[in-house]
PDB file of N, CA and C in Angstrom:
ATOM      1  N   MET A   1     -34.849 -70.231  48.333  1.00  0.00           N
ATOM      2  CA  MET A   1     -35.589 -70.986  49.383  1.00  0.00           C
ATOM      3  C   MET A   1     -34.851 -72.346  49.894  1.00  0.00           C
ATOM      4  N   LEU A   2     -35.000 -72.675  51.110  1.00  0.00           N
ATOM      5  CA  LEU A   2     -34.419 -73.929  51.499  1.00  0.00           C
ATOM      6  C   LEU A   2     -35.731 -75.063  51.112  1.00  0.00           C
ATOM      7  N   MET A   3     -34.869 -76.042  50.730  1.00  0.00           N
ATOM      8  CA  MET A   3     -35.942 -77.253  50.152  1.00  0.00           C
ATOM      9  C   MET A   3     -35.144 -78.589  50.462  1.00  0.00           C
ATOM     10  N   GLN A   4     -36.262 -79.751  50.728  1.00  0.00           N
ATOM     11  CA  GLN A   4     -35.662 -80.825  50.681  1.00  0.00           C
ATOM     12  C   GLN A   4     -36.134 -81.814  49.491  1.00  0.00           C
ATOM     13  N   GLY A   5     -35.632 -82.774  49.226  1.00  0.00           N
ATOM     14  CA  GLY A   5     -36.247 -83.410  47.764  1.00  0.00           C
ATOM     15  C   GLY A   5     -35.501 -84.879  47.689  1.00  0.00           C
ATOM     16  N   VAL A   6     -35.861 -85.612  46.936  1.00  0.00           N
ATOM     17  CA  VAL A   6     -34.990 -86.894  46.583  1.00  0.00           C
ATOM     18  C   VAL A   6     -34.608 -86.978  45.029  1.00  0.00           C
ATOM     19  N   VAL A   7     -33.409 -87.609  44.575  1.00  0.00           N
ATOM     20  CA  VAL A   7     -32.778 -87.390  43.407  1.00  0.00           C
ATOM     21  C   VAL A   7     -33.659 -88.660  42.717  1.00  0.00           C
ATOM     22  N   ILE A   8     -34.071 -88.191  41.581  1.00  0.00           N
ATOM     23  CA  ILE A   8     -34.853 -89.212  41.064  1.00  0.00           C
ATOM     24  C   ILE A   8     -33.880 -89.489  39.662  1.00  0.00           C
ATOM     25  N   TRP A   9     -33.035 -88.710  39.267  1.00  0.00           N
ATOM     26  CA  TRP A   9     -31.989 -89.080  38.068  1.00  0.00           C
ATOM     27  C   TRP A   9     -30.700 -88.277  38.225  1.00  0.00           C
ATOM     28  N   TYR A  10     -29.562 -88.830  38.039  1.00  0.00           N
ATOM     29  CA  TYR A  10     -28.318 -88.589  38.539  1.00  0.00           C
ATOM     30  C   TYR A  10     -27.505 -89.130  37.468  1.00  0.00           C
ATOM     31  N   SER A  11     -26.494 -88.021  36.793  1.00  0.00           N
ATOM     32  CA  SER A  11     -25.247 -88.318  35.997  1.00  0.00           C
ATOM     33  C   SER A  11     -23.934 -87.801  36.744  1.00  0.00           C
ATOM     34  N   ARG A  12     -23.516 -89.004  37.183  1.00  0.00           N
ATOM     35  CA  ARG A  12     -22.030 -88.677  37.838  1.00  0.00           C
ATOM     36  C   ARG A  12     -21.154 -88.208  36.919  1.00  0.00           C
ATOM     37  N   GLN A  13     -20.956 -88.359  35.794  1.00  0.00           N
ATOM     38  CA  GLN A  13     -19.993 -87.637  34.751  1.00  0.00           C
ATOM     39  C   GLN A  13     -20.367 -86.099  34.424  1.00  0.00           C
ATOM     40  N   ASP A  14     -21.376 -85.715  34.711  1.00  0.00           N
ATOM     41  CA  ASP A  14     -21.939 -84.504  34.491  1.00  0.00           C
ATOM     42  C   ASP A  14     -22.136 -83.650  35.634  1.00  0.00           C
ATOM     43  N   PHE A  15     -22.184 -84.190  36.902  1.00  0.00           N
ATOM     44  CA  PHE A  15     -22.928 -83.779  38.359  1.00  0.00           C
ATOM     45  C   PHE A  15     -24.175 -83.165  38.000  1.00  0.00           C
ATOM     46  N   ARG A  16     -24.764 -84.024  36.818  1.00  0.00           N
ATOM     47  CA  ARG A  16     -26.352 -83.241  36.987  1.00  0.00           C
ATOM     48  C   ARG A  16     -27.296 -84.262  37.498  1.00  0.00           C
ATOM     49  N   ALA A  17     -28.464 -83.563  37.964  1.00  0.00           N
ATOM     50  CA  ALA A  17     -29.467 -84.365  38.472  1.00  0.00           C
ATOM     51  C   ALA A  17     -30.941 -83.483  38.505  1.00  0.00           C
ATOM     52  N   ILE A  18     -31.696 -84.417  38.647  1.00  0.00           N
ATOM     53  CA  ILE A  18     -33.281 -84.272  38.719  1.00  0.00           C
ATOM     54  C   ILE A  18     -33.612 -84.593  39.916  1.00  0.00           C
ATOM     55  N   ILE A  19     -34.324 -83.566  40.618  1.00  0.00           N
ATOM     56  CA  ILE A  19     -34.949 -83.658  41.897  1.00  0.00           C
ATOM     57  C   ILE A  19     -36.007 -83.471  41.903  1.00  0.00           C
ATOM     58  N   TRP A  20     -36.984 -84.696  42.874  1.00  0.00           N
ATOM     59  CA  TRP A  20     -38.369 -84.242  43.094  1.00  0.00           C
ATOM     60  C   TRP A  20     -38.176 -83.303  44.436  1.00  0.00           C
ATOM     61  N   CYS A  21     -38.916 -82.602  44.445  1.00  0.00           N
ATOM     62  CA  CYS A  21     -39.007 -81.616  45.529  1.00  0.00           C
ATOM     63  C   CYS A  21     -40.273 -81.655  46.713  1.00  0.00           C
ATOM     64  N   ASP A  22     -39.924 -81.494  47.904  1.00  0.00           N
ATOM     65  CA  ASP A  22     -40.879 -81.884  49.156  1.00  0.00           C
ATOM     66  C   ASP A  22     -42.362 -81.047  48.801  1.00  0.00           C
ATOM     67  N   ASP A  23     -42.193 -80.014  47.840  1.00  0.00           N
ATOM     68  CA  ASP A  23     -43.309 -79.260  47.828  1.00  0.00           C
ATOM     69  C   ASP A  23     -44.136 -79.674  46.666  1.00  0.00           C
ATOM     70  N   SER A  24     -43.801 -80.392  46.094  1.00  0.00           N
ATOM     71  CA  SER A  24     -44.426 -81.503  45.015  1.00  0.00           C
ATOM     72  C   SER A  24     -45.038 -80.760  43.582  1.00  0.00           C
ATOM     73  N   ARG A  25     -44.410 -79.630  43.450  1.00  0.00           N
ATOM     74  CA  ARG A  25     -44.234 -78.764  42.383  1.00  0.00           C
ATOM     75  C   ARG A  25     -43.194 -78.782  41.362  1.00  0.00           C
ATOM     76  N   ASP A  26     -42.505 -77.965  40.844  1.00  0.00           N
ATOM     77  CA  ASP A  26     -41.710 -78.083  39.414  1.00  0.00           C
ATOM     78  C   ASP A  26     -40.695 -79.178  40.507  1.00  0.00           C
ATOM     79  N   LEU A  27     -39.801 -79.799  39.535  1.00  0.00           N
ATOM     80  CA  LEU A  27     -38.808 -80.505  39.795  1.00  0.00           C
ATOM     81  C   LEU A  27     -37.699 -79.592  39.940  1.00  0.00           C
ATOM     82  N   GLY A  28     -36.606 -80.140  40.413  1.00  0.00           N
ATOM     83  CA  GLY A  28     -35.350 -79.355  40.800  1.00  0.00           C
ATOM     84  C   GLY A  28     -34.345 -79.653  39.769  1.00  0.00           C
ATOM     85  N   LEU A  29     -33.512 -78.947  39.207  1.00  0.00           N
ATOM     86  CA  LEU A  29     -32.512 -79.410  38.228  1.00  0.00           C
ATOM     87  C   LEU A  29     -31.357 -78.686  38.756  1.00  0.00           C
ATOM     88  N   ALA A  30     -30.315 -79.814  38.931  1.00  0.00           N
ATOM     89  CA  ALA A  30     -28.848 -79.371  39.316  1.00  0.00           C
ATOM     90  C   ALA A  30     -27.870 -79.601  38.174  1.00  0.00           C
ATOM     91  N   ARG A  31     -27.074 -78.527  37.717  1.00  0.00           N
ATOM     92  CA  ARG A  31     -26.467 -78.632  36.542  1.00  0.00           C
ATOM     93  C   ARG A  31     -24.893 -77.767  37.041  1.00  0.00           C
ATOM     94  N   GLY A  32     -24.095 -79.189  36.756  1.00  0.00           N
ATOM     95  CA  GLY A  32     -22.627 -78.908  36.928  1.00  0.00           C
ATOM     96  C   GLY A  32     -22.181 -79.073  38.509  1.00  0.00           C
ATOM     97  N   PRO A  33     -20.820 -79.263  38.572  1.00  0.00           N
ATOM     98  CA  PRO A  33     -20.302 -79.311  39.999  1.00  0.00           C
ATOM     99  C   PRO A  33     -20.527 -77.992  40.822  1.00  0.00           C
ATOM    100  N   THR A  34     -20.835 -76.943  40.422  1.00  0.00           N
ATOM    101  CA  THR A  34     -20.987 -75.997  41.367  1.00  0.00           C
ATOM    102  C   THR A  34     -22.155 -75.919  41.958  1.00  0.00           C
ATOM    103  N   ALA A  35     -23.148 -76.585  41.726  1.00  0.00           N
ATOM    104  CA  ALA A  35     -24.538 -76.853  42.336  1.00  0.00           C
ATOM    105  C   ALA A  35     -24.564 -77.773  43.733  1.00  0.00           C
ATOM    106  N   TRP A  36     -23.285 -78.409  43.785  1.00  0.00           N
ATOM    107  CA  TRP A  36     -23.219 -79.354  44.838  1.00  0.00           C
ATOM    108  C   TRP A  36     -22.241 -78.894  45.862  1.00  0.00           C
ATOM    109  N   ARG A  37     -22.768 -79.166  47.112  1.00  0.00           N
ATOM    110  CA  ARG A  37     -21.668 -78.523  48.195  1.00  0.00           C
ATOM    111  C   ARG A  37     -20.514 -79.059  48.057  1.00  0.00           C
ATOM    112  N   ASN A  38     -20.689 -80.529  48.085  1.00  0.00           N
ATOM    113  CA  ASN A  38     -19.144 -81.325  47.709  1.00  0.00           C
ATOM    114  C   ASN A  38     -19.579 -82.224  46.260  1.00  0.00           C
ATOM    115  N   PRO A  39     -19.275 -81.648  45.466  1.00  0.00           N
ATOM    116  CA  PRO A  39     -19.276 -82.436  44.004  1.00  0.00           C
ATOM    117  C   PRO A  39     -18.799 -83.696  44.383  1.00  0.00           C
ATOM    118  N   MET A  40     -17.866 -83.921  44.825  1.00  0.00           N
ATOM    119  CA  MET A  40     -17.084 -85.686  44.929  1.00  0.00           C
ATOM    120  C   MET A  40     -18.151 -86.627  46.020  1.00  0.00           C
ATOM    121  N   ILE A  41     -18.864 -86.146  46.774  1.00  0.00           N
ATOM    122  CA  ILE A  41     -19.888 -87.049  47.410  1.00  0.00           C
ATOM    123  C   ILE A  41     -20.572 -88.201  46.339  1.00  0.00           C
ATOM    124  N   GLU A  42     -20.443 -89.059  46.733  1.00  0.00           N
ATOM    125  CA  GLU A  42     -21.543 -90.092  46.056  1.00  0.00           C
ATOM    126  C   GLU A  42     -22.835 -89.710  46.532  1.00  0.00           C
ATOM    127  N   VAL A  43     -23.720 -89.557  45.151  1.00  0.00           N
ATOM    128  CA  VAL A  43     -25.156 -89.573  45.193  1.00  0.00           C
ATOM    129  C   VAL A  43     -25.890 -90.394  44.309  1.00  0.00           C
ATOM    130  N   GLU A  44     -26.698 -91.065  44.622  1.00  0.00           N
ATOM    131  CA  GLU A  44     -27.592 -92.092  43.836  1.00  0.00           C
ATOM    132  C   GLU A  44     -29.126 -92.091  43.732  1.00  0.00           C
ATOM    133  N   VAL A  45     -29.767 -92.464  42.716  1.00  0.00           N
ATOM    134  CA  VAL A  45     -31.122 -92.242  42.777  1.00  0.00           C
ATOM    135  C   VAL A  45     -31.921 -92.776  44.073  1.00  0.00           C
ATOM    136  N   GLY A  46     -32.640 -92.041  44.506  1.00  0.00           N
ATOM    137  CA  GLY A  46     -33.396 -92.581  46.058  1.00  0.00           C
ATOM    138  C   GLY A  46     -32.690 -91.564  47.177  1.00  0.00           C
ATOM    139  N   ASP A  47     -31.753 -91.296  47.053  1.00  0.00           N
ATOM    140  CA  ASP A  47     -30.819 -90.612  48.068  1.00  0.00           C
ATOM    141  C   ASP A  47     -31.793 -88.887  48.516  1.00  0.00           C
ATOM    142  N   ALA A  48     -31.833 -88.929  49.735  1.00  0.00           N
ATOM    143  CA  ALA A  48     -32.394 -87.578  50.439  1.00  0.00           C
ATOM    144  C   ALA A  48     -31.497 -86.402  50.364  1.00  0.00           C
ATOM    145  N   VAL A  49     -31.833 -85.201  49.823  1.00  0.00           N
ATOM    146  CA  VAL A  49     -31.022 -84.089  49.891  1.00  0.00           C
ATOM    147  C   VAL A  49     -31.572 -82.817  50.215  1.00  0.00           C
ATOM    148  N   ALA A  50     -30.719 -81.825  50.670  1.00  0.00           N
ATOM    149  CA  ALA A  50     -31.384 -80.558  51.084  1.00  0.00           C
ATOM    150  C   ALA A  50     -30.716 -79.670  50.079  1.00  0.00           C
ATOM    151  N   PHE A  51     -31.357 -78.491  49.659  1.00  0.00           N
ATOM    152  CA  PHE A  51     -30.744 -77.607  48.874  1.00  0.00           C
ATOM    153  C   PHE A  51     -31.345 -76.130  48.968  1.00  0.00           C
ATOM    154  N   ARG A  52     -31.011 -75.353  48.123  1.00  0.00           N
ATOM    155  CA  ARG A  52     -31.622 -73.369  48.051  1.00  0.00           C
ATOM    156  C   ARG A  52     -31.948 -73.775  46.545  1.00  0.00           C
ATOM    157  N   ALA A  53     -33.179 -73.301  46.542  1.00  0.00           N
ATOM    158  CA  ALA A  53     -33.980 -73.553  45.033  1.00  0.00           C
ATOM    159  C   ALA A  53     -34.248 -72.043  44.672  1.00  0.00           C
ATOM    160  N   GLU A  54     -33.749 -71.773  43.343  1.00  0.00           N
ATOM    161  CA  GLU A  54     -33.840 -70.317  42.954  1.00  0.00           C
ATOM    162  C   GLU A  54     -34.565 -70.826  41.389  1.00  0.00           C
ATOM    163  N   LYS A  55     -35.718 -69.789  41.466  1.00  0.00           N
ATOM    164  CA  LYS A  55     -36.435 -69.816  39.966  1.00  0.00           C
ATOM    165  C   LYS A  55     -35.543 -68.920  38.974  1.00  0.00           C
ATOM    166  N   ARG A  56     -35.206 -69.709  37.752  1.00  0.00           N
ATOM    167  CA  ARG A  56     -34.703 -69.070  36.923  1.00  0.00           C
ATOM    168  C   ARG A  56     -35.309 -69.140  35.552  1.00  0.00           C
ATOM    169  N   GLY A  57     -36.101 -68.482  34.935  1.00  0.00           N
ATOM    170  CA  GLY A  57     -36.883 -68.669  33.733  1.00  0.00           C
ATOM    171  C   GLY A  57     -37.920 -69.380  34.098  1.00  0.00           C
ATOM    172  N   GLY A  58     -38.274 -70.816  33.503  1.00  0.00           N
ATOM    173  CA  GLY A  58     -39.238 -71.740  33.843  1.00  0.00           C
ATOM    174  C   GLY A  58     -38.686 -72.965  34.704  1.00  0.00           C
ATOM    175  N   GLU A  59     -37.695 -72.495  35.030  1.00  0.00           N
ATOM    176  CA  GLU A  59     -36.940 -73.739  35.758  1.00  0.00           C
ATOM    177  C   GLU A  59     -36.730 -73.402  36.911  1.00  0.00           C
ATOM    178  N   ARG A  60     -36.650 -74.714  38.017  1.00  0.00           N
ATOM    179  CA  ARG A  60     -36.067 -74.432  39.333  1.00  0.00           C
ATOM    180  C   ARG A  60     -34.830 -74.885  39.604  1.00  0.00           C
ATOM    181  N   GLN A  61     -33.877 -74.303  39.789  1.00  0.00           N
ATOM    182  CA  GLN A  61     -32.494 -74.392  39.856  1.00  0.00           C
ATOM    183  C   GLN A  61     -31.955 -75.038  41.426  1.00  0.00           C
ATOM    184  N   CYS A  62     -31.292 -75.811  41.409  1.00  0.00           N
ATOM    185  CA  CYS A  62     -30.831 -76.190  42.705  1.00  0.00           C
ATOM    186  C   CYS A  62     -29.722 -75.664  43.028  1.00  0.00           C
ATOM    187  N   ARG A  63     -29.319 -75.143  44.238  1.00  0.00           N
ATOM    188  CA  ARG A  63     -27.769 -74.984  44.693  1.00  0.00           C
ATOM    189  C   ARG A  63     -27.304 -75.147  45.874  1.00  0.00           C
ATOM    190  N   ASP A  64     -26.182 -75.405  46.392  1.00  0.00           N
ATOM    191  CA  ASP A  64     -25.605 -75.967  47.589  1.00  0.00           C
ATOM    192  C   ASP A  64     -26.435 -77.265  48.007  1.00  0.00           C
ATOM    193  N   ILE A  65     -26.413 -78.338  47.094  1.00  0.00           N
ATOM    194  CA  ILE A  65     -26.891 -79.550  47.275  1.00  0.00           C
ATOM    195  C   ILE A  65     -26.135 -80.217  48.227  1.00  0.00           C
ATOM    196  N   HIS A  66     -26.506 -80.810  49.386  1.00  0.00           N
ATOM    197  CA  HIS A  66     -25.809 -81.727  50.203  1.00  0.00           C
ATOM    198  C   HIS A  66     -26.966 -82.969  50.739  1.00  0.00           C
ATOM    199  N   LEU A  67     -26.354 -83.960  50.704  1.00  0.00           N
ATOM    200  CA  LEU A  67     -26.904 -85.502  51.183  1.00  0.00           C
ATOM    201  C   LEU A  67     -27.323 -85.490  52.877  1.00  0.00           C
ATOM    202  N   ILE A  68     -28.525 -85.509  52.688  1.00  0.00           N
ATOM    203  CA  ILE A  68     -29.089 -85.686  54.082  1.00  0.00           C
ATOM    204  C   ILE A  68     -29.419 -87.114  54.600  1.00  0.00           C
ATOM    205  N   GLU A  69     -30.009 -88.057  53.629  1.00  0.00           N
ATOM    206  CA  GLU A  69     -29.756 -89.586  54.234  1.00  0.00           C
ATOM    207  C   GLU A  69     -29.912 -90.526  52.625  1.00  0.00           C
ATOM    208  N   THR A  70     -29.100 -91.706  52.515  1.00  0.00           N
ATOM    209  CA  THR A  70     -28.982 -92.456  51.545  1.00  0.00           C
ATOM    210  C   THR A  70     -29.598 -93.048  51.327  1.00  0.00           C
ATOM    211  N   GLN A  71     -30.312 -93.632  50.326  1.00  0.00           N
ATOM    212  CA  GLN A  71     -31.479 -94.476  49.903  1.00  0.00           C
ATOM    213  C   GLN A  71     -32.733 -94.256  50.781  1.00  0.00           C
ATOM    214  N   ALA A  72     -33.339 -93.082  51.145  1.00  0.00           N
ATOM    215  CA  ALA A  72     -34.606 -92.696  51.863  1.00  0.00           C
ATOM    216  C   ALA A  72     -35.746 -93.148  50.845  1.00  0.00           C
ATOM    217  N   ALA A  73     -35.514 -93.154  49.729  1.00  0.00           N
ATOM    218  CA  ALA A  73     -36.696 -93.633  48.769  1.00  0.00           C
ATOM    219  C   ALA A  73     -36.394 -94.089  47.411  1.00  0.00           C
ATOM    220  N   PRO A  74     -35.675 -95.176  47.272  1.00  0.00           N
ATOM    221  CA  PRO A  74     -34.926 -96.192  46.571  1.00  0.00           C
ATOM    222  C   PRO A  74     -36.158 -96.192  45.295  1.00  0.00           C
ATOM    223  N   SER A  75     -37.340 -96.369  45.579  1.00  0.00           N
ATOM    224  CA  SER A  75     -38.407 -96.866  44.724  1.00  0.00           C
ATOM    225  C   SER A  75     -39.280 -95.468  44.318  1.00  0.00           C
ATOM    226  N   LEU A  76     -38.929 -94.475  44.367  1.00  0.00           N
ATOM    227  CA  LEU A  76     -39.646 -93.409  44.353  1.00  0.00           C
ATOM    228  C   LEU A  76     -40.049 -93.152  42.668  1.00  0.00           C
ATOM    229  N   THR A  77     -38.576 -92.966  41.905  1.00  0.00           N
ATOM    230  CA  THR A  77     -38.883 -93.078  40.254  1.00  0.00           C
ATOM    231  C   THR A  77     -39.528 -94.097  39.849  1.00  0.00           C
ATOM    232  N   ALA A  78     -39.380 -95.426  40.226  1.00  0.00           N
ATOM    233  CA  ALA A  78     -40.455 -96.240  39.694  1.00  0.00           C
ATOM    234  C   ALA A  78     -41.831 -96.126  40.009  1.00  0.00           C
ATOM    235  N   THR A  79     -42.018 -95.871  41.131  1.00  0.00           N
ATOM    236  CA  THR A  79     -43.320 -95.360  41.633  1.00  0.00           C
ATOM    237  C   THR A  79     -43.969 -94.650  40.842  1.00  0.00           C
ATOM    238  N   MET A  80     -43.612 -93.297  40.509  1.00  0.00           N
ATOM    239  CA  MET A  80     -43.964 -92.265  39.688  1.00  0.00           C
ATOM    240  C   MET A  80     -44.142 -92.739  38.220  1.00  0.00           C
ATOM    241  N   LEU A  81     -43.231 -93.299  38.141  1.00  0.00           N
ATOM    242  CA  LEU A  81     -43.334 -94.041  36.585  1.00  0.00           C
ATOM    243  C   LEU A  81     -44.750 -94.801  36.321  1.00  0.00           C
ATOM    244  N   THR A  82     -44.844 -95.707  37.226  1.00  0.00           N
ATOM    245  CA  THR A  82     -46.094 -96.832  37.353  1.00  0.00           C
ATOM    246  C   THR A  82     -47.494 -95.903  37.518  1.00  0.00           C
ATOM    247  N   LYS A  83     -47.380 -94.778  38.193  1.00  0.00           N
ATOM    248  CA  LYS A  83     -48.670 -94.194  38.609  1.00  0.00           C
ATOM    249  C   LYS A  83     -49.253 -93.186  37.498  1.00  0.00           C
ATOM    250  N   MET A  84     -48.494 -93.296  36.478  1.00  0.00           N
ATOM    251  CA  MET A  84     -48.437 -91.853  35.403  1.00  0.00           C
ATOM    252  C   MET A  84     -49.336 -93.001  34.583  1.00  0.00           C
ATOM    253  N   HIS A  85     -50.752 -91.595  34.148  1.00  0.00           N
ATOM    254  CA  HIS A  85     -51.638 -92.585  33.166  1.00  0.00           C
ATOM    255  C   HIS A  85     -51.930 -91.481  31.912  1.00  0.00           C
ATOM    256  N   PRO A  86     -50.729 -91.622  30.862  1.00  0.00           N
ATOM    257  CA  PRO A  86     -50.534 -91.236  29.858  1.00  0.00           C
ATOM    258  C   PRO A  86     -51.971 -91.063  29.106  1.00  0.00           C
ATOM    259  N   VAL A  87     -52.207 -89.829  28.697  1.00  0.00           N
ATOM    260  CA  VAL A  87     -53.407 -89.553  27.989  1.00  0.00           C
ATOM    261  C   VAL A  87     -53.126 -89.318  26.495  1.00  0.00           C
ATOM    262  N   PRO A  88     -54.034 -89.894  25.829  1.00  0.00           N
ATOM    263  CA  PRO A  88     -53.343 -89.674  24.318  1.00  0.00           C
ATOM    264  C   PRO A  88     -53.697 -88.267  23.832  1.00  0.00           C
ATOM    265  N   VAL A  89     -52.799 -87.923  23.076  1.00  0.00           N
ATOM    266  CA  VAL A  89     -52.863 -86.392  22.339  1.00  0.00           C
ATOM    267  C   VAL A  89     -53.264 -86.202  20.894  1.00  0.00           C
ATOM    268  N   SER A  90     -54.268 -85.776  20.798  1.00  0.00           N
ATOM    269  CA  SER A  90     -54.547 -85.809  19.077  1.00  0.00           C
ATOM    270  C   SER A  90     -53.498 -84.807  18.552  1.00  0.00           C
ATOM    271  N   ARG A  91     -53.704 -84.796  17.327  1.00  0.00           N
ATOM    272  CA  ARG A  91     -52.642 -83.869  16.506  1.00  0.00           C
ATOM    273  C   ARG A  91     -53.272 -82.631  16.001  1.00  0.00           C
ATOM    274  N   ILE A  92     -54.677 -82.865  16.086  1.00  0.00           N
ATOM    275  CA  ILE A  92     -55.595 -81.782  15.914  1.00  0.00           C
ATOM    276  C   ILE A  92     -55.934 -81.167  17.512  1.00  0.00           C
ATOM    277  N   PRO A  93     -55.833 -79.999  17.568  1.00  0.00           N
ATOM    278  CA  PRO A  93     -56.088 -79.788  18.835  1.00  0.00           C
ATOM    279  C   PRO A  93     -57.485 -79.214  19.440  1.00  0.00           C
ATOM    280  N   LEU A  94     -58.357 -79.258  18.212  1.00  0.00           N
ATOM    281  CA  LEU A  94     -59.868 -79.062  18.654  1.00  0.00           C
ATOM    282  C   LEU A  94     -60.303 -80.383  18.789  1.00  0.00           C
ATOM    283  N   LEU A  95     -59.935 -81.437  18.231  1.00  0.00           N
ATOM    284  CA  LEU A  95     -60.506 -82.959  18.730  1.00  0.00           C
ATOM    285  C   LEU A  95     -59.603 -83.308  19.954  1.00  0.00           C
ATOM    286  N   HIS A  96     -58.822 -82.894  20.518  1.00  0.00           N
ATOM    287  CA  HIS A  96     -58.178 -83.307  21.532  1.00  0.00           C
ATOM    288  C   HIS A  96     -59.169 -82.456  22.663  1.00  0.00           C
ATOM    289  N   LEU A  97     -59.210 -80.792  22.481  1.00  0.00           N
ATOM    290  CA  LEU A  97     -60.177 -80.469  23.488  1.00  0.00           C
ATOM    291  C   LEU A  97     -61.682 -81.187  23.530  1.00  0.00           C
ATOM    292  N   CYS A  98     -61.927 -81.642  22.349  1.00  0.00           N
ATOM    293  CA  CYS A  98     -63.546 -82.108  22.780  1.00  0.00           C
ATOM    294  C   CYS A  98     -63.513 -83.718  23.170  1.00  0.00           C
ATOM    295  N   SER A  99     -62.330 -84.407  23.391  1.00  0.00           N
ATOM    296  CA  SER A  99     -62.003 -85.512  23.658  1.00  0.00           C
ATOM    297  C   SER A  99     -61.880 -85.719  25.024  1.00  0.00           C
ATOM    298  N   SER A 100     -61.187 -84.277  25.503  1.00  0.00           N
ATOM    299  CA  SER A 100     -60.690 -84.369  26.966  1.00  0.00           C
ATOM    300  C   SER A 100     -61.959 -84.617  28.282  1.00  0.00           C
ATOM    301  N   ARG A 101     -61.323 -85.462  29.177  1.00  0.00           N
ATOM    302  CA  ARG A 101     -62.396 -86.015  30.204  1.00  0.00           C
ATOM    303  C   ARG A 101     -62.734 -84.888  31.117  1.00  0.00           C
ATOM    304  N   ASP A 102     -62.011 -83.664  30.776  1.00  0.00           N
ATOM    305  CA  ASP A 102     -62.385 -82.450  31.991  1.00  0.00           C
ATOM    306  C   ASP A 102     -63.675 -81.698  31.667  1.00  0.00           C
TER     307      ASP A 102
END
């Protein structure tokens, strides 16, 4: 499946990345230089990319990743983190179920 997304984490050393996908479902994972069309291209957090997504096990693997636009969404990662509202998790599942807002 062809998709687009934004890099929200990247390791130049390992050519690994986490990509927020345009369908807002599972995050995409890039593992190693073979995931990239050109592994030598400079990629940074906030860059827009296009790729082929493949579901493997419980993960969305990204292949043939290539850059579309540099710094298309540089603050996306920070925005995602500030919008999170962590819900306290009880160590006893029954208590967690009973205290849920659902």
